[in-house]
Amino acid sequence: MIKVKYFILSAVILAAFGSARIVFVENAEPTGLENPLKTEMQVLDSAFKNLITSLVLNNLNAIEEPFHEVHKARHKTEEAIEKKEIVLPKNNDKMAEFTKIDNKFHHELEGLIEASRKGDLKKVQKGTHELLDTCIQCHTKFRNL
């Protein structure tokens, strides 16, 4: 029964993130420049896929490493937001709300990583669900689907 739940969870997450490289802020980058938010979403996509695989294989030690790249990418995103270089494809006038959701996500992510360090499978599972819920909430509000 638990394996079936993991399979279903994996399928849902991979469908949400894996059908295409996440194009969260289509056409939002200034000409000739990389889009830090898009880059962060792509790195997060890879780290999240690793998270699911690690959960399915009960290998919590493998979860943390890919999220270091997410942290680096987030720093660049924060700088770009501060410089007003990010334009959200939907509800761009609600950048403060976007930032609040993003901060919540990264705070929850820190808790998940801490739980993985401690080998707490239940907290990692719960944290994964919370993170996915936050992803869906944010994409629904700020991404053209």
Protein backbone atom coordinates (compact mmCIF):
# COMPACT_ATOMS: atom_id res chain seq x y z
CA MET A 1 0.00 0.00 0.00
CA ILE A 2 2.82 2.42 0.86
CA LYS A 3 4.58 1.68 -2.45
CA VAL A 4 1.35 2.49 -4.29
CA LYS A 5 1.12 5.84 -2.47
CA TYR A 6 4.72 6.65 -3.40
CA PHE A 7 4.04 5.71 -6.99
CA ILE A 8 0.95 7.92 -7.14
CA LEU A 9 2.75 10.81 -5.45
CA SER A 10 5.64 10.45 -7.88
CA ALA A 11 3.32 10.37 -10.87
CA VAL A 12 1.46 13.49 -9.76
CA ILE A 13 4.62 15.44 -9.08
CA LEU A 14 6.33 14.35 -12.27
CA ALA A 15 3.21 15.29 -14.22
CA ALA A 16 3.21 18.70 -12.57
CA PHE A 17 6.91 19.35 -13.04
CA GLY A 18 8.15 16.94 -15.65
CA SER A 19 5.97 17.48 -18.70
CA ALA A 20 8.24 20.30 -19.78
CA ARG A 21 11.03 22.35 -18.35
CA ILE A 22 9.18 24.82 -16.17
CA VAL A 23 8.59 28.02 -18.08
CA PHE A 24 7.33 30.07 -15.19
CA VAL A 25 7.92 33.52 -16.51
CA GLU A 26 7.56 33.25 -20.25
CA ASN A 27 8.98 36.25 -22.10
CA ALA A 28 9.77 38.03 -18.84
CA GLU A 29 13.48 38.45 -19.34
CA PRO A 30 15.04 41.59 -20.70
CA THR A 31 16.49 41.01 -24.15
CA GLY A 32 19.88 39.33 -24.04
CA LEU A 33 19.78 38.54 -20.34
CA GLU A 34 19.11 35.27 -18.55
CA ASN A 35 15.98 35.11 -16.44
CA PRO A 36 17.06 34.22 -12.89
CA LEU A 37 13.58 33.11 -11.83
CA LYS A 38 13.28 30.77 -14.81
CA THR A 39 16.72 29.39 -14.01
CA GLU A 40 15.72 28.87 -10.37
CA MET A 41 12.56 27.02 -11.44
CA GLN A 42 14.60 24.71 -13.69
CA VAL A 43 17.08 23.92 -10.90
CA LEU A 44 14.18 23.43 -8.49
CA ASP A 45 12.52 21.06 -10.97
CA SER A 46 15.64 18.89 -10.99
CA ALA A 47 16.03 18.99 -7.19
CA PHE A 48 12.36 18.13 -6.68
CA LYS A 49 12.60 15.13 -9.01
CA ASN A 50 15.57 13.97 -6.97
CA LEU A 51 13.52 14.47 -3.80
CA ILE A 52 10.78 12.19 -5.11
CA THR A 53 13.24 9.54 -6.24
CA SER A 54 14.99 9.70 -2.87
CA LEU A 55 11.68 9.28 -1.06
CA VAL A 56 10.65 6.34 -3.20
CA LEU A 57 14.02 4.67 -2.60
CA ASN A 58 14.00 5.63 1.10
CA ASN A 59 17.36 7.35 0.64
CA LEU A 60 16.92 10.54 2.64
CA ASN A 61 20.65 11.27 2.56
CA ALA A 62 20.41 12.02 -1.17
CA ILE A 63 17.84 14.82 -0.77
CA GLU A 64 19.90 17.78 0.40
CA GLU A 65 22.68 18.19 -2.15
CA PRO A 66 20.62 19.32 -5.20
CA PHE A 67 18.89 21.97 -3.10
CA HIS A 68 22.21 23.79 -2.61
CA GLU A 69 21.95 24.79 -6.28
CA VAL A 70 18.40 25.99 -5.66
CA HIS A 71 19.68 28.20 -2.83
CA LYS A 72 22.32 29.72 -5.13
CA ALA A 73 19.77 30.32 -7.86
CA ARG A 74 17.33 31.87 -5.40
CA HIS A 75 19.94 34.42 -4.37
CA LYS A 76 20.16 35.59 -8.01
CA THR A 77 16.36 35.69 -8.24
CA GLU A 78 16.12 37.85 -5.12
CA GLU A 79 18.66 40.28 -6.58
CA ALA A 80 16.70 40.47 -9.84
CA ILE A 81 13.42 41.07 -8.01
CA GLU A 82 15.05 43.83 -5.98
CA LYS A 83 16.24 45.46 -9.22
CA LYS A 84 12.73 45.00 -10.71
CA GLU A 85 14.12 42.81 -13.50
CA ILE A 86 11.48 40.09 -13.03
CA VAL A 87 8.06 40.40 -14.62
CA LEU A 88 5.56 37.75 -13.63
CA PRO A 89 3.36 36.54 -16.49
CA LYS A 90 0.23 36.90 -14.38
CA ASN A 91 -0.55 39.23 -11.45
CA ASN A 92 2.76 41.05 -11.74
CA ASP A 93 1.24 43.82 -9.62
CA LYS A 94 1.25 41.34 -6.70
CA MET A 95 5.02 40.92 -6.49
CA ALA A 96 4.89 41.37 -2.69
CA GLU A 97 2.52 38.41 -2.42
CA PHE A 98 4.74 36.37 -4.74
CA THR A 99 7.73 37.16 -2.53
CA LYS A 100 5.77 36.14 0.58
CA ILE A 101 4.82 32.78 -0.99
CA ASP A 102 8.41 32.27 -2.15
CA ASN A 103 9.75 32.97 1.33
CA LYS A 104 7.24 30.51 2.82
CA PHE A 105 8.30 27.89 0.29
CA HIS A 106 11.99 28.25 1.07
CA HIS A 107 11.31 28.22 4.81
CA GLU A 108 9.38 24.95 4.42
CA LEU A 109 12.20 23.64 2.24
CA GLU A 110 14.70 24.28 5.03
CA GLY A 111 12.52 22.24 7.38
CA LEU A 112 12.34 19.40 4.89
CA ILE A 113 16.12 19.37 4.47
CA GLU A 114 16.58 19.35 8.24
CA ALA A 115 14.17 16.41 8.54
CA SER A 116 16.10 14.55 5.82
CA ARG A 117 19.36 15.10 7.73
CA LYS A 118 17.73 13.55 10.80
CA GLY A 119 16.32 10.64 8.80
CA ASP A 120 12.74 11.56 9.69
CA LEU A 121 10.79 9.96 6.85
CA LYS A 122 7.37 11.11 8.09
CA LYS A 123 8.44 14.77 8.27
CA VAL A 124 10.06 14.55 4.84
CA GLN A 125 6.86 13.10 3.38
CA LYS A 126 4.72 15.77 5.04
CA GLY A 127 7.13 18.50 3.98
CA THR A 128 7.09 17.26 0.40
CA HIS A 129 3.29 17.54 0.31
CA GLU A 130 3.43 21.05 1.80
CA LEU A 131 6.03 22.14 -0.75
CA LEU A 132 4.01 20.77 -3.62
CA ASP A 133 0.91 22.56 -2.35
CA THR A 134 2.89 25.80 -2.22
CA CYS A 135 4.17 25.23 -5.78
CA ILE A 136 0.65 24.72 -7.08
CA GLN A 137 -0.67 27.77 -5.20
CA CYS A 138 2.09 29.97 -6.59
CA HIS A 139 1.84 28.68 -10.16
CA THR A 140 -1.94 29.08 -10.13
CA LYS A 141 -1.65 32.68 -9.03
CA PHE A 142 1.37 33.86 -11.04
CA ARG A 143 1.93 31.59 -14.02
CA ASN A 144 -0.03 31.45 -17.27
CA LEU A 145 -1.20 27.87 -17.50
